[in-house]
Amino acid sequence: MHYRVTILMTEFVTHDVKRFIVSKPEGFTWQPGQGVELVIGQGEWREEEARPFTPTGLACDRVLEFTIKRYIEDQAVTDQLHTLKPGDVLLMSDPFGSITYKGPGTFIAAGTGMTPFLAILRQLASEERLGGHQLLFSNKTPADILCEKELRYYLGDQCLMTCTRMQAPGYAQRRIDQPYLAKTIRDIHRYCYLCGPESFVVDVKAALVEIGVRPDLLVFEE
C-alpha cells in the first residue's frame, strides 16, 4: 500500500451504506470511475483483507470520499470499516481500473455498482456536461438506493430506477434484462457503462450485444 490516509468524518447515506471522508495524500491523482484498494491501518486488521473501493467525490477535491456498503455476511472488511471513527487510519493503493468516462451514453448499475458512476456523473455535473446521458439503476428496494435525489436532479426523466423486491410508485418492479434494455436505451450507438455484481454485468453485457450494441462500446471493469 502506497498511501496512509486518515478518516475525517463518516455518515450514513442509507441504512447500510456509509460515506467516508478521508485525507487526500499529496500528489494523489485519479480519474473518476477508477478504484483503489483499502486496508484498515491499525489493530488486528492492519495490512490484511485489502478490498477495492471507488472514490465517489470530485477528482479536484482536497479530500477523498468513499461510499461503502456494509455486508453482514462478509464478517470482515466492510463490517470493520463501518465501526471506524474520525482519526482512524486506512492504507490505500494507487488507483486502477478500466471504468473511466469515454463519452455520452447509458450508465447501467446494480446496488453499490453505482459508486464509479457517482464520481463520473458528479464530474460531468461540475462541467455542465450531463446532457445526452441516461441512468438505469437497479436495487432491491427504494431504501437501498444511493443518492437518489441527487441522481434524479442530475438526469431528470432519464434517471430510471428499478426495484427487484418491492413495488412502489416511481420504480419499475423488475430486473434489468434484454426486453427492458431494448425498450429503454435511447441510442444503441453510444457507450454503455456497466457496474454491479459479476453475474449482473455478465448478463447485461450479453443482453446489450443482443439488442445491437457493439462490444467496443461496452465499458466495464475487466
C-alpha atoms as a PDB file:
ATOM      1  CA  MET A   1       0.000   0.000   0.000  1.00  0.00           C
ATOM      2  CA  HIS A   2       1.436   3.339  -1.099  1.00  0.00           C
ATOM      3  CA  TYR A   3      -0.555   5.824   0.978  1.00  0.00           C
ATOM      4  CA  ARG A   4      -1.683   6.329   4.557  1.00  0.00           C
ATOM      5  CA  VAL A   5      -4.924   8.290   4.928  1.00  0.00           C
ATOM      6  CA  THR A   6      -6.918   9.427   7.953  1.00  0.00           C
ATOM      7  CA  ILE A   7     -10.693   9.265   8.314  1.00  0.00           C
ATOM      8  CA  LEU A   8     -12.059  12.787   8.811  1.00  0.00           C
ATOM      9  CA  MET A   9     -15.790  12.034   9.073  1.00  0.00           C
ATOM     10  CA  THR A  10     -18.404   9.344   8.430  1.00  0.00           C
ATOM     11  CA  GLU A  11     -22.178   9.398   7.974  1.00  0.00           C
ATOM     12  CA  PHE A  12     -24.901   7.031   6.815  1.00  0.00           C
ATOM     13  CA  VAL A  13     -26.379   7.592   3.348  1.00  0.00           C
ATOM     14  CA  THR A  14     -28.700   4.553   3.518  1.00  0.00           C
ATOM     15  CA  HIS A  15     -29.490   2.050   6.265  1.00  0.00           C
ATOM     16  CA  ASP A  16     -26.359   0.016   5.449  1.00  0.00           C
ATOM     17  CA  VAL A  17     -24.142   2.365   3.424  1.00  0.00           C
ATOM     18  CA  LYS A  18     -21.746   4.915   4.910  1.00  0.00           C
ATOM     19  CA  ARG A  19     -19.980   7.878   3.393  1.00  0.00           C
ATOM     20  CA  PHE A  20     -16.338   8.215   4.455  1.00  0.00           C
ATOM     21  CA  ILE A  21     -14.350  11.436   4.032  1.00  0.00           C
ATOM     22  CA  VAL A  22     -10.609  10.803   4.299  1.00  0.00           C
ATOM     23  CA  SER A  23      -7.480  12.860   3.867  1.00  0.00           C
ATOM     24  CA  LYS A  24      -6.055  13.070   0.342  1.00  0.00           C
ATOM     25  CA  PRO A  25      -2.336  12.301   0.017  1.00  0.00           C
ATOM     26  CA  GLU A  26      -0.201  14.975  -1.577  1.00  0.00           C
ATOM     27  CA  GLY A  27       0.246  14.263  -5.281  1.00  0.00           C
ATOM     28  CA  PHE A  28      -2.510  11.626  -5.431  1.00  0.00           C
ATOM     29  CA  THR A  29      -4.456  11.754  -8.706  1.00  0.00           C
ATOM     30  CA  TRP A  30      -7.206   9.535 -10.127  1.00  0.00           C
ATOM     31  CA  GLN A  31      -9.799   9.505 -12.881  1.00  0.00           C
ATOM     32  CA  PRO A  32     -13.492   9.359 -11.926  1.00  0.00           C
ATOM     33  CA  GLY A  33     -14.591   5.735 -12.143  1.00  0.00           C
ATOM     34  CA  GLN A  34     -11.272   4.254 -11.046  1.00  0.00           C
ATOM     35  CA  GLY A  35     -10.896   2.344  -7.779  1.00  0.00           C
ATOM     36  CA  VAL A  36      -8.274   1.820  -5.091  1.00  0.00           C
ATOM     37  CA  GLU A  37      -7.621  -0.910  -2.567  1.00  0.00           C
ATOM     38  CA  LEU A  38      -8.133  -0.033   1.100  1.00  0.00           C
ATOM     39  CA  VAL A  39      -6.805  -1.769   4.196  1.00  0.00           C
ATOM     40  CA  ILE A  40      -7.557  -0.879   7.797  1.00  0.00           C
ATOM     41  CA  GLY A  41      -4.262   0.523   9.015  1.00  0.00           C
ATOM     42  CA  GLN A  42      -4.420  -0.280  12.713  1.00  0.00           C
ATOM     43  CA  GLY A  43      -5.231  -3.035  15.189  1.00  0.00           C
ATOM     44  CA  GLU A  44      -5.680  -6.673  14.235  1.00  0.00           C
ATOM     45  CA  TRP A  45      -6.809  -5.795  10.703  1.00  0.00           C
ATOM     46  CA  ARG A  46      -3.604  -3.963   9.788  1.00  0.00           C
ATOM     47  CA  GLU A  47      -2.328  -4.990   6.338  1.00  0.00           C
ATOM     48  CA  GLU A  48      -4.909  -7.747   5.943  1.00  0.00           C
ATOM     49  CA  GLU A  49      -8.044  -8.167   3.848  1.00  0.00           C
ATOM     50  CA  ALA A  50      -7.500  -5.496   1.183  1.00  0.00           C
ATOM     51  CA  ARG A  51     -10.650  -4.721  -0.790  1.00  0.00           C
ATOM     52  CA  PRO A  52     -11.352  -2.484  -3.808  1.00  0.00           C
ATOM     53  CA  PHE A  53     -13.447   0.657  -3.357  1.00  0.00           C
ATOM     54  CA  THR A  54     -14.204   3.575  -5.643  1.00  0.00           C
ATOM     55  CA  PRO A  55     -13.717   7.229  -4.710  1.00  0.00           C
ATOM     56  CA  THR A  56     -17.060   8.956  -5.241  1.00  0.00           C
ATOM     57  CA  GLY A  57     -16.130  12.635  -4.966  1.00  0.00           C
ATOM     58  CA  LEU A  58     -14.583  15.004  -7.491  1.00  0.00           C
ATOM     59  CA  ALA A  59     -11.008  14.430  -8.621  1.00  0.00           C
ATOM     60  CA  CYS A  60     -10.214  18.070  -7.782  1.00  0.00           C
ATOM     61  CA  ASP A  61     -11.460  17.842  -4.193  1.00  0.00           C
ATOM     62  CA  ARG A  62      -8.931  18.340  -1.400  1.00  0.00           C
ATOM     63  CA  VAL A  63     -10.231  15.219   0.344  1.00  0.00           C
ATOM     64  CA  LEU A  64     -11.325  11.761  -0.843  1.00  0.00           C
ATOM     65  CA  GLU A  65     -14.835  10.380  -0.450  1.00  0.00           C
ATOM     66  CA  PHE A  66     -15.818   6.709  -0.374  1.00  0.00           C
ATOM     67  CA  THR A  67     -19.360   5.327  -0.282  1.00  0.00           C
ATOM     68  CA  ILE A  68     -19.188   1.861   1.292  1.00  0.00           C
ATOM     69  CA  LYS A  69     -21.886  -0.715   1.953  1.00  0.00           C
ATOM     70  CA  ARG A  70     -21.690  -2.987   4.971  1.00  0.00           C
ATOM     71  CA  TYR A  71     -22.100  -6.630   4.019  1.00  0.00           C
ATOM     72  CA  ILE A  72     -23.146  -8.571   7.116  1.00  0.00           C
ATOM     73  CA  GLU A  73     -22.204 -11.901   5.579  1.00  0.00           C
ATOM     74  CA  ASP A  74     -18.730 -10.501   4.898  1.00  0.00           C
ATOM     75  CA  GLN A  75     -17.800 -10.538   8.605  1.00  0.00           C
ATOM     76  CA  ALA A  76     -14.565  -8.852   7.668  1.00  0.00           C
ATOM     77  CA  VAL A  77     -13.521  -5.648   5.955  1.00  0.00           C
ATOM     78  CA  THR A  78     -16.787  -3.784   5.308  1.00  0.00           C
ATOM     79  CA  ASP A  79     -18.129  -4.818   8.715  1.00  0.00           C
ATOM     80  CA  GLN A  80     -14.996  -3.448  10.379  1.00  0.00           C
ATOM     81  CA  LEU A  81     -14.890  -0.328   8.224  1.00  0.00           C
ATOM     82  CA  HIS A  82     -18.336   0.663   9.473  1.00  0.00           C
ATOM     83  CA  THR A  83     -17.012   0.677  13.054  1.00  0.00           C
ATOM     84  CA  LEU A  84     -14.210   3.150  12.303  1.00  0.00           C
ATOM     85  CA  LYS A  85     -14.269   6.739  13.541  1.00  0.00           C
ATOM     86  CA  PRO A  86     -12.582  10.037  12.677  1.00  0.00           C
ATOM     87  CA  GLY A  87      -8.884   9.768  13.397  1.00  0.00           C
ATOM     88  CA  ASP A  88      -8.630   6.102  12.400  1.00  0.00           C
ATOM     89  CA  VAL A  89      -6.162   5.200   9.649  1.00  0.00           C
ATOM     90  CA  LEU A  90      -6.550   3.410   6.314  1.00  0.00           C
ATOM     91  CA  LEU A  91      -3.838   2.231   3.945  1.00  0.00           C
ATOM     92  CA  MET A  92      -4.552   2.916   0.268  1.00  0.00           C
ATOM     93  CA  SER A  93      -3.155   1.710  -3.057  1.00  0.00           C
ATOM     94  CA  ASP A  94      -2.575   3.602  -6.285  1.00  0.00           C
ATOM     95  CA  PRO A  95      -5.694   3.956  -8.463  1.00  0.00           C
ATOM     96  CA  PHE A  96      -6.572   1.294 -11.018  1.00  0.00           C
ATOM     97  CA  GLY A  97      -9.440   0.168 -13.216  1.00  0.00           C
ATOM     98  CA  SER A  98     -10.895   0.283 -16.706  1.00  0.00           C
ATOM     99  CA  ILE A  99     -14.116   2.183 -15.887  1.00  0.00           C
ATOM    100  CA  THR A 100     -13.474   5.758 -16.992  1.00  0.00           C
ATOM    101  CA  TYR A 101     -15.544   8.207 -18.996  1.00  0.00           C
ATOM    102  CA  LYS A 102     -15.376   7.737 -22.769  1.00  0.00           C
ATOM    103  CA  GLY A 103     -18.304   9.825 -23.980  1.00  0.00           C
ATOM    104  CA  PRO A 104     -22.109  10.226 -23.713  1.00  0.00           C
ATOM    105  CA  GLY A 105     -24.201   7.127 -23.216  1.00  0.00           C
ATOM    106  CA  THR A 106     -26.071   4.987 -20.717  1.00  0.00           C
ATOM    107  CA  PHE A 107     -24.898   4.079 -17.217  1.00  0.00           C
ATOM    108  CA  ILE A 108     -26.293   0.723 -16.033  1.00  0.00           C
ATOM    109  CA  ALA A 109     -25.729  -0.130 -12.370  1.00  0.00           C
ATOM    110  CA  ALA A 110     -26.913  -2.504  -9.676  1.00  0.00           C
ATOM    111  CA  GLY A 111     -26.564  -1.696  -5.972  1.00  0.00           C
ATOM    112  CA  THR A 112     -23.181  -0.294  -4.985  1.00  0.00           C
ATOM    113  CA  GLY A 113     -22.099  -0.752  -8.590  1.00  0.00           C
ATOM    114  CA  MET A 114     -23.323   2.835  -8.761  1.00  0.00           C
ATOM    115  CA  THR A 115     -20.225   4.149  -6.983  1.00  0.00           C
ATOM    116  CA  PRO A 116     -17.914   4.620 -10.011  1.00  0.00           C
ATOM    117  CA  PHE A 117     -20.764   6.311 -11.854  1.00  0.00           C
ATOM    118  CA  LEU A 118     -21.382   8.683  -8.935  1.00  0.00           C
ATOM    119  CA  ALA A 119     -17.877  10.035  -9.429  1.00  0.00           C
ATOM    120  CA  ILE A 120     -18.311  10.309 -13.204  1.00  0.00           C
ATOM    121  CA  LEU A 121     -21.733  11.978 -13.027  1.00  0.00           C
ATOM    122  CA  ARG A 122     -20.565  14.435 -10.381  1.00  0.00           C
ATOM    123  CA  GLN A 123     -17.633  15.359 -12.602  1.00  0.00           C
ATOM    124  CA  LEU A 124     -19.935  15.836 -15.595  1.00  0.00           C
ATOM    125  CA  ALA A 125     -22.289  17.940 -13.470  1.00  0.00           C
ATOM    126  CA  SER A 126     -19.422  20.166 -12.345  1.00  0.00           C
ATOM    127  CA  GLU A 127     -18.533  20.705 -16.013  1.00  0.00           C
ATOM    128  CA  GLU A 128     -22.204  21.185 -17.071  1.00  0.00           C
ATOM    129  CA  ARG A 129     -21.961  18.201 -19.441  1.00  0.00           C
ATOM    130  CA  LEU A 130     -24.839  15.999 -18.246  1.00  0.00           C
ATOM    131  CA  GLY A 131     -26.859  16.291 -21.448  1.00  0.00           C
ATOM    132  CA  GLY A 132     -27.207  13.147 -23.537  1.00  0.00           C
ATOM    133  CA  HIS A 133     -26.731  10.726 -20.643  1.00  0.00           C
ATOM    134  CA  GLN A 134     -29.072   8.122 -19.201  1.00  0.00           C
ATOM    135  CA  LEU A 135     -29.017   6.044 -16.000  1.00  0.00           C
ATOM    136  CA  LEU A 136     -30.632   2.641 -15.397  1.00  0.00           C
ATOM    137  CA  PHE A 137     -30.227   1.769 -11.722  1.00  0.00           C
ATOM    138  CA  SER A 138     -31.374  -1.487 -10.104  1.00  0.00           C
ATOM    139  CA  ASN A 139     -31.776  -2.075  -6.366  1.00  0.00           C
ATOM    140  CA  LYS A 140     -33.675  -4.455  -4.116  1.00  0.00           C
ATOM    141  CA  THR A 141     -35.932  -1.763  -2.604  1.00  0.00           C
ATOM    142  CA  PRO A 142     -36.189   2.060  -2.638  1.00  0.00           C
ATOM    143  CA  ALA A 143     -34.450   2.120   0.769  1.00  0.00           C
ATOM    144  CA  ASP A 144     -31.317   0.680  -0.849  1.00  0.00           C
ATOM    145  CA  ILE A 145     -30.884   3.405  -3.481  1.00  0.00           C
ATOM    146  CA  LEU A 146     -27.745   5.527  -3.182  1.00  0.00           C
ATOM    147  CA  CYS A 147     -28.066   9.299  -3.578  1.00  0.00           C
ATOM    148  CA  GLU A 148     -31.469   9.061  -5.260  1.00  0.00           C
ATOM    149  CA  LYS A 149     -32.401  12.748  -5.039  1.00  0.00           C
ATOM    150  CA  GLU A 150     -29.025  13.803  -6.412  1.00  0.00           C
ATOM    151  CA  LEU A 151     -29.240  11.382  -9.345  1.00  0.00           C
ATOM    152  CA  ARG A 152     -32.809  12.386 -10.224  1.00  0.00           C
ATOM    153  CA  TYR A 153     -31.765  16.042 -10.088  1.00  0.00           C
ATOM    154  CA  TYR A 154     -28.863  15.396 -12.465  1.00  0.00           C
ATOM    155  CA  LEU A 155     -30.725  13.336 -15.062  1.00  0.00           C
ATOM    156  CA  GLY A 156     -34.443  14.059 -14.641  1.00  0.00           C
ATOM    157  CA  ASP A 157     -36.617  11.673 -16.637  1.00  0.00           C
ATOM    158  CA  GLN A 158     -33.503   9.891 -17.897  1.00  0.00           C
ATOM    159  CA  CYS A 159     -32.829   8.578 -14.383  1.00  0.00           C
ATOM    160  CA  LEU A 160     -34.727   5.271 -14.362  1.00  0.00           C
ATOM    161  CA  MET A 161     -34.929   3.264 -11.134  1.00  0.00           C
ATOM    162  CA  THR A 162     -35.952  -0.380 -10.870  1.00  0.00           C
ATOM    163  CA  CYS A 163     -36.518  -2.468  -7.739  1.00  0.00           C
ATOM    164  CA  THR A 164     -36.462  -6.251  -7.696  1.00  0.00           C
ATOM    165  CA  ARG A 165     -38.141  -6.919  -4.343  1.00  0.00           C
ATOM    166  CA  MET A 166     -40.728  -4.193  -3.854  1.00  0.00           C
ATOM    167  CA  GLN A 167     -43.414  -2.407  -5.823  1.00  0.00           C
ATOM    168  CA  ALA A 168     -43.578   1.346  -5.250  1.00  0.00           C
ATOM    169  CA  PRO A 169     -44.614   4.456  -7.223  1.00  0.00           C
ATOM    170  CA  GLY A 170     -41.777   5.771  -9.364  1.00  0.00           C
ATOM    171  CA  TYR A 171     -39.915   2.451  -9.595  1.00  0.00           C
ATOM    172  CA  ALA A 172     -40.395  -0.348 -12.107  1.00  0.00           C
ATOM    173  CA  GLN A 173     -40.579  -3.655 -10.264  1.00  0.00           C
ATOM    174  CA  ARG A 174     -38.370  -5.805 -12.479  1.00  0.00           C
ATOM    175  CA  ARG A 175     -34.826  -6.761 -13.334  1.00  0.00           C
ATOM    176  CA  ILE A 176     -32.728  -5.030 -15.964  1.00  0.00           C
ATOM    177  CA  ASP A 177     -32.917  -7.615 -18.742  1.00  0.00           C
ATOM    178  CA  GLN A 178     -32.903  -7.763 -22.528  1.00  0.00           C
ATOM    179  CA  PRO A 179     -36.546  -6.678 -23.088  1.00  0.00           C
ATOM    180  CA  TYR A 180     -36.131  -3.752 -20.681  1.00  0.00           C
ATOM    181  CA  LEU A 181     -32.878  -2.635 -22.318  1.00  0.00           C
ATOM    182  CA  ALA A 182     -34.371  -2.904 -25.802  1.00  0.00           C
ATOM    183  CA  LYS A 183     -37.307  -0.721 -24.744  1.00  0.00           C
ATOM    184  CA  THR A 184     -35.359   1.791 -22.680  1.00  0.00           C
ATOM    185  CA  ILE A 185     -31.950   2.581 -24.173  1.00  0.00           C
ATOM    186  CA  ARG A 186     -32.280   5.663 -26.352  1.00  0.00           C
ATOM    187  CA  ASP A 187     -29.261   5.135 -28.623  1.00  0.00           C
ATOM    188  CA  ILE A 188     -27.501   1.781 -29.062  1.00  0.00           C
ATOM    189  CA  HIS A 189     -24.657   3.510 -30.884  1.00  0.00           C
ATOM    190  CA  ARG A 190     -23.401   5.269 -27.750  1.00  0.00           C
ATOM    191  CA  TYR A 191     -21.354   3.950 -24.850  1.00  0.00           C
ATOM    192  CA  CYS A 192     -22.903   1.671 -22.230  1.00  0.00           C
ATOM    193  CA  TYR A 193     -21.190   1.728 -18.836  1.00  0.00           C
ATOM    194  CA  LEU A 194     -21.802  -1.320 -16.619  1.00  0.00           C
ATOM    195  CA  CYS A 195     -21.087  -1.996 -12.957  1.00  0.00           C
ATOM    196  CA  GLY A 196     -22.557  -4.298 -10.317  1.00  0.00           C
ATOM    197  CA  PRO A 197     -22.297  -7.911  -9.164  1.00  0.00           C
ATOM    198  CA  GLU A 198     -20.378 -10.112 -11.598  1.00  0.00           C
ATOM    199  CA  SER A 199     -23.470 -12.065 -12.687  1.00  0.00           C
ATOM    200  CA  PHE A 200     -25.338  -8.800 -13.353  1.00  0.00           C
ATOM    201  CA  VAL A 201     -22.533  -7.458 -15.562  1.00  0.00           C
ATOM    202  CA  VAL A 202     -22.238 -10.740 -17.500  1.00  0.00           C
ATOM    203  CA  ASP A 203     -25.991 -10.894 -18.145  1.00  0.00           C
ATOM    204  CA  VAL A 204     -26.337  -7.223 -19.097  1.00  0.00           C
ATOM    205  CA  LYS A 205     -23.336  -7.373 -21.443  1.00  0.00           C
ATOM    206  CA  ALA A 206     -24.889 -10.300 -23.298  1.00  0.00           C
ATOM    207  CA  ALA A 207     -28.278  -8.578 -23.449  1.00  0.00           C
ATOM    208  CA  LEU A 208     -26.768  -5.361 -24.816  1.00  0.00           C
ATOM    209  CA  VAL A 209     -24.962  -7.215 -27.589  1.00  0.00           C
ATOM    210  CA  GLU A 210     -28.245  -8.985 -28.425  1.00  0.00           C
ATOM    211  CA  ILE A 211     -30.009  -5.659 -28.960  1.00  0.00           C
ATOM    212  CA  GLY A 212     -27.228  -4.382 -31.228  1.00  0.00           C
ATOM    213  CA  VAL A 213     -24.734  -2.544 -29.002  1.00  0.00           C
ATOM    214  CA  ARG A 214     -21.215  -3.033 -30.359  1.00  0.00           C
ATOM    215  CA  PRO A 215     -18.861  -4.759 -27.886  1.00  0.00           C
ATOM    216  CA  ASP A 216     -16.316  -1.916 -28.216  1.00  0.00           C
ATOM    217  CA  LEU A 217     -18.931   0.454 -26.769  1.00  0.00           C
ATOM    218  CA  LEU A 218     -19.214  -1.533 -23.515  1.00  0.00           C
ATOM    219  CA  VAL A 219     -17.261  -0.067 -20.596  1.00  0.00           C
ATOM    220  CA  PHE A 220     -16.863  -2.303 -17.530  1.00  0.00           C
ATOM    221  CA  GLU A 221     -14.246  -3.488 -15.058  1.00  0.00           C
ATOM    222  CA  GLU A 222     -12.045  -6.023 -16.856  1.00  0.00           C
END
